[in-house]
C-alpha atoms as a PDB file:
ATOM      1  CA  MET A   1     -33.901 117.110 -89.674  1.00  0.00           C
ATOM      2  CA  SER A   2     -34.965 118.268 -93.156  1.00  0.00           C
ATOM      3  CA  GLU A   3     -32.285 118.853 -95.758  1.00  0.00           C
ATOM      4  CA  ARG A   4     -31.047 122.377 -96.400  1.00  0.00           C
ATOM      5  CA  ILE A   5     -32.104 123.502 -99.875  1.00  0.00           C
ATOM      6  CA  ASN A   6     -29.986 126.012-101.746  1.00  0.00           C
ATOM      7  CA  VAL A   7     -32.401 128.277-103.630  1.00  0.00           C
ATOM      8  CA  PRO A   8     -30.777 129.570-106.839  1.00  0.00           C
ATOM      9  CA  THR A   9     -31.166 133.195-107.913  1.00  0.00           C
ATOM     10  CA  MET A  10     -31.512 134.310-111.516  1.00  0.00           C
ATOM     11  CA  GLN A  11     -28.195 136.120-111.198  1.00  0.00           C
ATOM     12  CA  GLU A  12     -26.429 132.884-110.205  1.00  0.00           C
ATOM     13  CA  LEU A  13     -28.012 130.882-113.040  1.00  0.00           C
ATOM     14  CA  MET A  14     -27.216 133.541-115.648  1.00  0.00           C
ATOM     15  CA  ALA A  15     -23.586 133.622-114.471  1.00  0.00           C
ATOM     16  CA  LYS A  16     -23.426 129.904-115.319  1.00  0.00           C
ATOM     17  CA  GLY A  17     -25.112 130.440-118.672  1.00  0.00           C
ATOM     18  CA  GLU A  18     -28.261 128.609-117.522  1.00  0.00           C
ATOM     19  CA  SER A  19     -31.937 129.556-117.438  1.00  0.00           C
ATOM     20  CA  PRO A  20     -34.771 128.103-115.310  1.00  0.00           C
ATOM     21  CA  ASP A  21     -37.964 126.478-116.570  1.00  0.00           C
ATOM     22  CA  VAL A  22     -39.897 128.596-114.107  1.00  0.00           C
ATOM     23  CA  LEU A  23     -39.268 131.699-112.007  1.00  0.00           C
ATOM     24  CA  PHE A  24     -40.666 131.475-108.476  1.00  0.00           C
ATOM     25  CA  TRP A  25     -42.090 134.897-107.632  1.00  0.00           C
ATOM     26  CA  VAL A  26     -42.000 134.929-103.830  1.00  0.00           C
ATOM     27  CA  GLY A  27     -43.938 138.147-103.159  1.00  0.00           C
ATOM     28  CA  CYS A  28     -43.709 140.576-100.233  1.00  0.00           C
ATOM     29  CA  ALA A  29     -45.674 138.426 -97.773  1.00  0.00           C
ATOM     30  CA  GLY A  30     -43.742 135.282 -98.689  1.00  0.00           C
ATOM     31  CA  SER A  31     -40.468 137.160 -98.211  1.00  0.00           C
ATOM     32  CA  PHE A  32     -41.085 139.133 -95.024  1.00  0.00           C
ATOM     33  CA  ASP A  33     -44.079 137.764 -93.093  1.00  0.00           C
ATOM     34  CA  ASP A  34     -42.969 135.034 -90.664  1.00  0.00           C
ATOM     35  CA  ARG A  35     -46.112 132.933 -91.213  1.00  0.00           C
ATOM     36  CA  ALA A  36     -46.012 133.294 -95.001  1.00  0.00           C
ATOM     37  CA  LYS A  37     -42.311 132.330 -95.089  1.00  0.00           C
ATOM     38  CA  LYS A  38     -43.425 128.803 -94.136  1.00  0.00           C
ATOM     39  CA  ILE A  39     -45.589 128.712 -97.267  1.00  0.00           C
ATOM     40  CA  THR A  40     -42.599 129.868 -99.344  1.00  0.00           C
ATOM     41  CA  LYS A  41     -40.507 127.041 -97.878  1.00  0.00           C
ATOM     42  CA  ALA A  42     -43.237 124.507 -98.718  1.00  0.00           C
ATOM     43  CA  VAL A  43     -43.318 125.666-102.363  1.00  0.00           C
ATOM     44  CA  VAL A  44     -39.503 125.454-102.537  1.00  0.00           C
ATOM     45  CA  LYS A  45     -39.571 121.910-101.103  1.00  0.00           C
ATOM     46  CA  ILE A  46     -42.076 120.864-103.774  1.00  0.00           C
ATOM     47  CA  LEU A  47     -40.103 122.473-106.637  1.00  0.00           C
ATOM     48  CA  HIS A  48     -36.812 121.015-105.371  1.00  0.00           C
ATOM     49  CA  ASN A  49     -38.071 117.485-104.735  1.00  0.00           C
ATOM     50  CA  CYS A  50     -39.917 117.283-108.045  1.00  0.00           C
ATOM     51  CA  GLY A  51     -36.801 118.243-109.991  1.00  0.00           C
ATOM     52  CA  VAL A  52     -38.252 121.476-111.359  1.00  0.00           C
ATOM     53  CA  LYS A  53     -35.542 123.798-112.619  1.00  0.00           C
ATOM     54  CA  TYR A  54     -36.435 127.076-110.916  1.00  0.00           C
ATOM     55  CA  ALA A  55     -34.899 130.281-109.596  1.00  0.00           C
ATOM     56  CA  VAL A  56     -35.917 133.371-107.637  1.00  0.00           C
ATOM     57  CA  LEU A  57     -35.012 137.013-108.210  1.00  0.00           C
ATOM     58  CA  GLY A  58     -33.860 137.441-104.607  1.00  0.00           C
ATOM     59  CA  THR A  59     -33.037 141.056-103.790  1.00  0.00           C
ATOM     60  CA  GLU A  60     -33.939 142.047-107.372  1.00  0.00           C
ATOM     61  CA  GLU A  61     -37.614 141.261-106.711  1.00  0.00           C
ATOM     62  CA  ALA A  62     -39.740 144.271-105.734  1.00  0.00           C
ATOM     63  CA  CYS A  63     -43.436 144.561-104.866  1.00  0.00           C
ATOM     64  CA  THR A  64     -45.645 144.006-107.923  1.00  0.00           C
ATOM     65  CA  GLY A  65     -47.471 147.240-107.125  1.00  0.00           C
ATOM     66  CA  ASP A  66     -50.800 145.557-106.376  1.00  0.00           C
ATOM     67  CA  PRO A  67     -51.437 147.315-103.015  1.00  0.00           C
ATOM     68  CA  ALA A  68     -50.559 150.705-104.528  1.00  0.00           C
ATOM     69  CA  LYS A  69     -52.903 150.173-107.492  1.00  0.00           C
ATOM     70  CA  ARG A  70     -55.804 148.920-105.351  1.00  0.00           C
ATOM     71  CA  ALA A  71     -55.355 151.886-103.008  1.00  0.00           C
ATOM     72  CA  GLY A  72     -55.617 154.218-106.016  1.00  0.00           C
ATOM     73  CA  ASN A  73     -51.976 155.208-106.535  1.00  0.00           C
ATOM     74  CA  GLU A  74     -51.596 154.374-110.218  1.00  0.00           C
ATOM     75  CA  PHE A  75     -48.352 156.348-110.517  1.00  0.00           C
ATOM     76  CA  LEU A  76     -46.601 154.310-107.809  1.00  0.00           C
ATOM     77  CA  PHE A  77     -47.992 151.075-109.295  1.00  0.00           C
ATOM     78  CA  GLN A  78     -46.536 151.861-112.725  1.00  0.00           C
ATOM     79  CA  MET A  79     -43.152 152.780-111.228  1.00  0.00           C
ATOM     80  CA  GLN A  80     -43.009 149.448-109.370  1.00  0.00           C
ATOM     81  CA  ALA A  81     -44.305 147.479-112.346  1.00  0.00           C
ATOM     82  CA  PHE A  82     -41.820 149.002-114.829  1.00  0.00           C
ATOM     83  CA  GLN A  83     -38.928 148.227-112.499  1.00  0.00           C
ATOM     84  CA  ASN A  84     -39.980 144.560-112.277  1.00  0.00           C
ATOM     85  CA  ILE A  85     -40.710 144.241-115.995  1.00  0.00           C
ATOM     86  CA  GLN A  86     -37.254 145.578-116.879  1.00  0.00           C
ATOM     87  CA  ILE A  87     -35.640 142.918-114.698  1.00  0.00           C
ATOM     88  CA  LEU A  88     -37.920 140.087-115.898  1.00  0.00           C
ATOM     89  CA  ASN A  89     -37.414 140.985-119.562  1.00  0.00           C
ATOM     90  CA  GLY A  90     -33.686 141.384-119.004  1.00  0.00           C
ATOM     91  CA  TYR A  91     -33.573 137.766-117.829  1.00  0.00           C
ATOM     92  CA  GLU A  92     -35.917 136.711-120.670  1.00  0.00           C
ATOM     93  CA  ILE A  93     -38.354 135.129-118.213  1.00  0.00           C
ATOM     94  CA  LYS A  94     -41.103 133.092-119.889  1.00  0.00           C
ATOM     95  CA  LYS A  95     -42.947 131.350-117.029  1.00  0.00           C
ATOM     96  CA  ILE A  96     -43.665 132.524-113.472  1.00  0.00           C
ATOM     97  CA  VAL A  97     -45.197 130.656-110.516  1.00  0.00           C
ATOM     98  CA  THR A  98     -46.357 132.456-107.398  1.00  0.00           C
ATOM     99  CA  GLY A  99     -48.096 131.520-104.152  1.00  0.00           C
ATOM    100  CA  CYS A 100     -49.823 134.902-103.937  1.00  0.00           C
ATOM    101  CA  PRO A 101     -53.007 135.485-105.997  1.00  0.00           C
ATOM    102  CA  HIS A 102     -52.422 139.258-105.821  1.00  0.00           C
ATOM    103  CA  CYS A 103     -49.030 138.886-107.519  1.00  0.00           C
ATOM    104  CA  PHE A 104     -50.546 136.268-109.861  1.00  0.00           C
ATOM    105  CA  ASN A 105     -53.362 138.568-110.988  1.00  0.00           C
ATOM    106  CA  THR A 106     -51.207 141.687-111.343  1.00  0.00           C
ATOM    107  CA  ILE A 107     -48.383 140.071-113.343  1.00  0.00           C
ATOM    108  CA  LYS A 108     -50.799 137.998-115.460  1.00  0.00           C
ATOM    109  CA  ASN A 109     -53.387 140.642-116.291  1.00  0.00           C
ATOM    110  CA  GLU A 110     -51.819 144.080-115.781  1.00  0.00           C
ATOM    111  CA  TYR A 111     -48.164 143.703-116.721  1.00  0.00           C
ATOM    112  CA  PRO A 112     -48.859 142.862-120.418  1.00  0.00           C
ATOM    113  CA  ASP A 113     -50.159 146.425-121.018  1.00  0.00           C
ATOM    114  CA  LEU A 114     -46.837 147.726-119.698  1.00  0.00           C
ATOM    115  CA  GLY A 115     -44.647 145.415-121.801  1.00  0.00           C
ATOM    116  CA  GLY A 116     -44.424 142.394-119.501  1.00  0.00           C
ATOM    117  CA  ASP A 117     -45.859 139.273-121.161  1.00  0.00           C
ATOM    118  CA  TYR A 118     -45.375 136.000-119.280  1.00  0.00           C
ATOM    119  CA  GLU A 119     -47.097 132.702-118.631  1.00  0.00           C
ATOM    120  CA  VAL A 120     -48.186 133.061-114.997  1.00  0.00           C
ATOM    121  CA  VAL A 121     -49.461 130.169-112.869  1.00  0.00           C
ATOM    122  CA  HIS A 122     -50.618 129.923-109.275  1.00  0.00           C
ATOM    123  CA  HIS A 123     -48.769 127.416-107.130  1.00  0.00           C
ATOM    124  CA  THR A 124     -51.881 125.190-106.919  1.00  0.00           C
ATOM    125  CA  GLN A 125     -51.903 124.919-110.736  1.00  0.00           C
ATOM    126  CA  LEU A 126     -48.232 123.920-110.775  1.00  0.00           C
ATOM    127  CA  ILE A 127     -48.785 121.387-107.969  1.00  0.00           C
ATOM    128  CA  GLN A 128     -51.729 119.926-109.906  1.00  0.00           C
ATOM    129  CA  ASP A 129     -49.501 119.491-112.990  1.00  0.00           C
ATOM    130  CA  LEU A 130     -46.744 117.864-110.907  1.00  0.00           C
ATOM    131  CA  ILE A 131     -49.220 115.393-109.382  1.00  0.00           C
ATOM    132  CA  ASN A 132     -50.841 114.619-112.751  1.00  0.00           C
ATOM    133  CA  SER A 133     -47.457 114.012-114.396  1.00  0.00           C
ATOM    134  CA  GLY A 134     -46.434 111.632-111.588  1.00  0.00           C
ATOM    135  CA  LYS A 135     -43.528 113.802-110.400  1.00  0.00           C
ATOM    136  CA  LEU A 136     -45.219 114.502-107.066  1.00  0.00           C
ATOM    137  CA  LYS A 137     -46.566 111.538-105.114  1.00  0.00           C
ATOM    138  CA  ILE A 138     -48.899 111.881-102.143  1.00  0.00           C
ATOM    139  CA  LYS A 139     -48.561 109.213 -99.455  1.00  0.00           C
ATOM    140  CA  GLU A 140     -51.812 107.589 -98.369  1.00  0.00           C
ATOM    141  CA  GLY A 141     -53.023 107.589 -94.780  1.00  0.00           C
ATOM    142  CA  GLY A 142     -51.075 110.671 -93.775  1.00  0.00           C
ATOM    143  CA  ALA A 143     -51.801 113.580 -91.451  1.00  0.00           C
ATOM    144  CA  PHE A 144     -55.110 114.367 -93.160  1.00  0.00           C
ATOM    145  CA  LYS A 145     -56.642 110.873 -93.183  1.00  0.00           C
ATOM    146  CA  GLY A 146     -60.295 111.047 -92.187  1.00  0.00           C
ATOM    147  CA  LYS A 147     -60.174 114.825 -91.613  1.00  0.00           C
ATOM    148  CA  ARG A 148     -62.565 117.449 -92.985  1.00  0.00           C
ATOM    149  CA  ILE A 149     -61.033 120.235 -95.086  1.00  0.00           C
ATOM    150  CA  THR A 150     -62.764 123.348 -96.408  1.00  0.00           C
ATOM    151  CA  PHE A 151     -61.155 125.613 -99.010  1.00  0.00           C
ATOM    152  CA  HIS A 152     -61.449 129.402 -98.915  1.00  0.00           C
ATOM    153  CA  ASP A 153     -61.331 130.804-102.472  1.00  0.00           C
ATOM    154  CA  PRO A 154     -58.986 133.812-102.727  1.00  0.00           C
ATOM    155  CA  CYS A 155     -60.740 136.614-104.648  1.00  0.00           C
ATOM    156  CA  TYR A 156     -57.897 137.174-107.112  1.00  0.00           C
ATOM    157  CA  LEU A 157     -57.575 133.470-107.848  1.00  0.00           C
ATOM    158  CA  GLY A 158     -61.251 132.563-108.013  1.00  0.00           C
ATOM    159  CA  ARG A 159     -63.600 135.315-109.091  1.00  0.00           C
ATOM    160  CA  ALA A 160     -60.932 137.412-110.815  1.00  0.00           C
ATOM    161  CA  ASN A 161     -59.312 134.558-112.770  1.00  0.00           C
ATOM    162  CA  ASP A 162     -61.763 131.610-112.650  1.00  0.00           C
ATOM    163  CA  VAL A 163     -59.249 129.245-111.022  1.00  0.00           C
ATOM    164  CA  TYR A 164     -61.488 126.971-108.964  1.00  0.00           C
ATOM    165  CA  GLU A 165     -60.582 123.481-110.131  1.00  0.00           C
ATOM    166  CA  ALA A 166     -56.819 123.304-109.469  1.00  0.00           C
ATOM    167  CA  PRO A 167     -56.881 123.875-105.694  1.00  0.00           C
ATOM    168  CA  ARG A 168     -59.781 121.452-105.237  1.00  0.00           C
ATOM    169  CA  SER A 169     -58.191 118.833-107.471  1.00  0.00           C
ATOM    170  CA  VAL A 170     -55.025 119.020-105.345  1.00  0.00           C
ATOM    171  CA  LEU A 171     -56.932 118.830-102.052  1.00  0.00           C
ATOM    172  CA  ASN A 172     -58.911 115.831-103.319  1.00  0.00           C
ATOM    173  CA  ARG A 173     -55.616 113.907-103.488  1.00  0.00           C
ATOM    174  CA  LEU A 174     -55.397 114.057 -99.708  1.00  0.00           C
ATOM    175  CA  ASP A 175     -56.959 111.224 -97.731  1.00  0.00           C
ATOM    176  CA  ALA A 176     -59.646 113.602 -96.445  1.00  0.00           C
ATOM    177  CA  GLU A 177     -63.170 114.905 -97.021  1.00  0.00           C
ATOM    178  CA  LEU A 178     -63.438 118.210 -98.872  1.00  0.00           C
ATOM    179  CA  VAL A 179     -66.470 120.176 -97.633  1.00  0.00           C
ATOM    180  CA  GLU A 180     -67.601 123.393 -99.294  1.00  0.00           C
ATOM    181  CA  MET A 181     -68.716 126.540 -97.484  1.00  0.00           C
ATOM    182  CA  LYS A 182     -72.177 127.861 -98.340  1.00  0.00           C
ATOM    183  CA  ARG A 183     -70.445 130.778-100.117  1.00  0.00           C
ATOM    184  CA  CYS A 184     -67.784 129.304-102.379  1.00  0.00           C
ATOM    185  CA  LYS A 185     -66.355 129.428-105.904  1.00  0.00           C
ATOM    186  CA  SER A 186     -67.967 132.300-107.883  1.00  0.00           C
ATOM    187  CA  LYS A 187     -70.109 133.168-104.837  1.00  0.00           C
ATOM    188  CA  GLY A 188     -67.135 133.129-102.443  1.00  0.00           C
ATOM    189  CA  LEU A 189     -66.764 135.845 -99.818  1.00  0.00           C
ATOM    190  CA  CYS A 190     -63.631 137.988 -99.477  1.00  0.00           C
ATOM    191  CA  CYS A 191     -61.493 137.430 -96.365  1.00  0.00           C
ATOM    192  CA  GLY A 192     -61.340 141.210 -95.904  1.00  0.00           C
ATOM    193  CA  ALA A 193     -57.700 141.814 -96.876  1.00  0.00           C
ATOM    194  CA  GLY A 194     -57.964 142.513-100.629  1.00  0.00           C
ATOM    195  CA  GLY A 195     -57.958 145.926-102.260  1.00  0.00           C
ATOM    196  CA  ALA A 196     -55.140 147.051 -99.910  1.00  0.00           C
ATOM    197  CA  GLN A 197     -57.554 146.734 -96.943  1.00  0.00           C
ATOM    198  CA  MET A 198     -54.850 144.589 -95.291  1.00  0.00           C
ATOM    199  CA  PHE A 199     -52.823 147.734 -94.618  1.00  0.00           C
ATOM    200  CA  LYS A 200     -55.448 150.076 -93.148  1.00  0.00           C
ATOM    201  CA  GLU A 201     -57.677 150.272 -90.126  1.00  0.00           C
ATOM    202  CA  ALA A 202     -61.152 148.758 -90.358  1.00  0.00           C
ATOM    203  CA  GLU A 203     -63.989 151.103 -91.301  1.00  0.00           C
ATOM    204  CA  GLN A 204     -67.101 151.639 -89.226  1.00  0.00           C
ATOM    205  CA  GLY A 205     -69.442 148.648 -89.050  1.00  0.00           C
ATOM    206  CA  ASN A 206     -70.757 145.989 -86.698  1.00  0.00           C
ATOM    207  CA  LYS A 207     -68.569 143.055 -87.773  1.00  0.00           C
ATOM    208  CA  GLU A 208     -65.145 142.428 -89.357  1.00  0.00           C
ATOM    209  CA  VAL A 209     -65.270 140.770 -92.800  1.00  0.00           C
ATOM    210  CA  ASN A 210     -62.832 138.043 -91.733  1.00  0.00           C
ATOM    211  CA  VAL A 211     -65.060 137.162 -88.752  1.00  0.00           C
ATOM    212  CA  GLU A 212     -68.036 136.789 -91.103  1.00  0.00           C
ATOM    213  CA  ARG A 213     -65.991 134.599 -93.419  1.00  0.00           C
ATOM    214  CA  THR A 214     -64.644 132.487 -90.565  1.00  0.00           C
ATOM    215  CA  GLU A 215     -68.238 131.808 -89.487  1.00  0.00           C
ATOM    216  CA  ASP A 216     -68.830 130.291 -92.951  1.00  0.00           C
ATOM    217  CA  ALA A 217     -65.781 128.066 -92.492  1.00  0.00           C
ATOM    218  CA  LEU A 218     -66.647 126.976 -88.945  1.00  0.00           C
ATOM    219  CA  GLU A 219     -70.173 126.013 -90.064  1.00  0.00           C
ATOM    220  CA  THR A 220     -68.642 123.236 -92.179  1.00  0.00           C
ATOM    221  CA  LYS A 221     -67.187 121.602 -89.021  1.00  0.00           C
ATOM    222  CA  ALA A 222     -63.846 121.351 -90.873  1.00  0.00           C
ATOM    223  CA  ASN A 223     -60.634 120.401 -89.078  1.00  0.00           C
ATOM    224  CA  PHE A 224     -58.560 122.393 -91.576  1.00  0.00           C
ATOM    225  CA  ILE A 225     -59.211 125.609 -93.479  1.00  0.00           C
ATOM    226  CA  ALA A 226     -57.112 125.416 -96.643  1.00  0.00           C
ATOM    227  CA  THR A 227     -55.909 128.669 -98.196  1.00  0.00           C
ATOM    228  CA  GLY A 228     -54.051 129.613-101.362  1.00  0.00           C
ATOM    229  CA  CYS A 229     -53.068 133.167-100.416  1.00  0.00           C
ATOM    230  CA  PRO A 230     -50.885 134.563 -97.604  1.00  0.00           C
ATOM    231  CA  PHE A 231     -53.328 137.411 -96.930  1.00  0.00           C
ATOM    232  CA  CYS A 232     -56.296 135.017 -96.665  1.00  0.00           C
ATOM    233  CA  ASN A 233     -54.182 132.848 -94.362  1.00  0.00           C
ATOM    234  CA  THR A 234     -53.622 135.780 -91.977  1.00  0.00           C
ATOM    235  CA  MET A 235     -57.259 136.879 -92.009  1.00  0.00           C
ATOM    236  CA  MET A 236     -58.670 133.384 -91.474  1.00  0.00           C
ATOM    237  CA  THR A 237     -56.141 132.728 -88.696  1.00  0.00           C
ATOM    238  CA  ASP A 238     -57.245 135.917 -86.932  1.00  0.00           C
ATOM    239  CA  GLY A 239     -60.884 134.929 -87.470  1.00  0.00           C
ATOM    240  CA  VAL A 240     -60.381 131.510 -85.890  1.00  0.00           C
ATOM    241  CA  LYS A 241     -58.579 133.143 -82.939  1.00  0.00           C
ATOM    242  CA  ASN A 242     -61.574 135.451 -82.544  1.00  0.00           C
ATOM    243  CA  PHE A 243     -63.710 132.369 -81.810  1.00  0.00           C
ATOM    244  CA  ASN A 244     -60.981 130.741 -79.657  1.00  0.00           C
ATOM    245  CA  LYS A 245     -60.945 127.744 -82.006  1.00  0.00           C
ATOM    246  CA  GLU A 246     -57.224 127.674 -82.866  1.00  0.00           C
ATOM    247  CA  GLU A 247     -56.749 124.327 -81.098  1.00  0.00           C
ATOM    248  CA  GLU A 248     -59.566 122.667 -83.062  1.00  0.00           C
ATOM    249  CA  VAL A 249     -59.251 124.302 -86.493  1.00  0.00           C
ATOM    250  CA  LYS A 250     -55.921 124.699 -88.285  1.00  0.00           C
ATOM    251  CA  ILE A 251     -55.276 127.095 -91.170  1.00  0.00           C
ATOM    252  CA  MET A 252     -52.788 125.815 -93.742  1.00  0.00           C
ATOM    253  CA  ASP A 253     -51.802 126.786 -97.253  1.00  0.00           C
ATOM    254  CA  ILE A 254     -52.353 124.057 -99.858  1.00  0.00           C
ATOM    255  CA  ALA A 255     -48.585 123.948-100.542  1.00  0.00           C
ATOM    256  CA  GLU A 256     -47.930 123.210 -96.865  1.00  0.00           C
ATOM    257  CA  MET A 257     -50.549 120.464 -96.822  1.00  0.00           C
ATOM    258  CA  ILE A 258     -49.134 118.805 -99.944  1.00  0.00           C
ATOM    259  CA  ALA A 259     -45.533 119.070 -98.708  1.00  0.00           C
ATOM    260  CA  MET A 260     -46.632 117.410 -95.463  1.00  0.00           C
ATOM    261  CA  ALA A 261     -48.689 114.721 -97.227  1.00  0.00           C
ATOM    262  CA  ALA A 262     -45.818 113.945 -99.590  1.00  0.00           C
ATOM    263  CA  ASP A 263     -43.441 113.841 -96.602  1.00  0.00           C
ATOM    264  CA  LEU A 264     -41.042 116.373 -98.131  1.00  0.00           C
END
């Protein structure tokens, strides 16, 4: 049975006169979606076991406003953003890590114009740093030994922010073969959930975007599709189910794979 980890909130740390090195921004999916909660737990395990001093906002964390902005409601986005920025600045937050590229992109690139300036990193970048510094050790010959892994680039991590190396560097530490899809990196294809599409019915057409993207992944003959975004995880999971391949192909977030490989 894995140990129970007490996740500190900013409120608790401030009450003790302490501040974290990094704030873990959980995001809506990581807080409320049952599948994405597992990714949140994997990130927490990594932070805890590597001795990173971190905290979460807990009930003080609200949606970044990304879905509202992408759907065209700038007014709602700014209301949500200002609320978050007030709280973050009140706690004098300097560095934020998040497992959601939508949160990552919004806080990193759109909050500065509204008075919220922070160093924002994606969880794959933090994991890469922890591995490189020797704080996180991957055990050889684990669950991924001899397996084929393909990585699906999230739009807001890859094309929007040019983060291609960190997730691949982390995956290359696993005892596995990393195989690229024909459309990857700057030519990657969206999973179909971005731009608030996740929350609306599909438009008229002859094929779902996530089915098209899953075809790319299945062509690689990978055993695992690695993701770095809770929305991509959902879309690729649905795509694999569409082809009745869920027994053969597993979809896992990079944080989950590393937590498993490090036996956390």
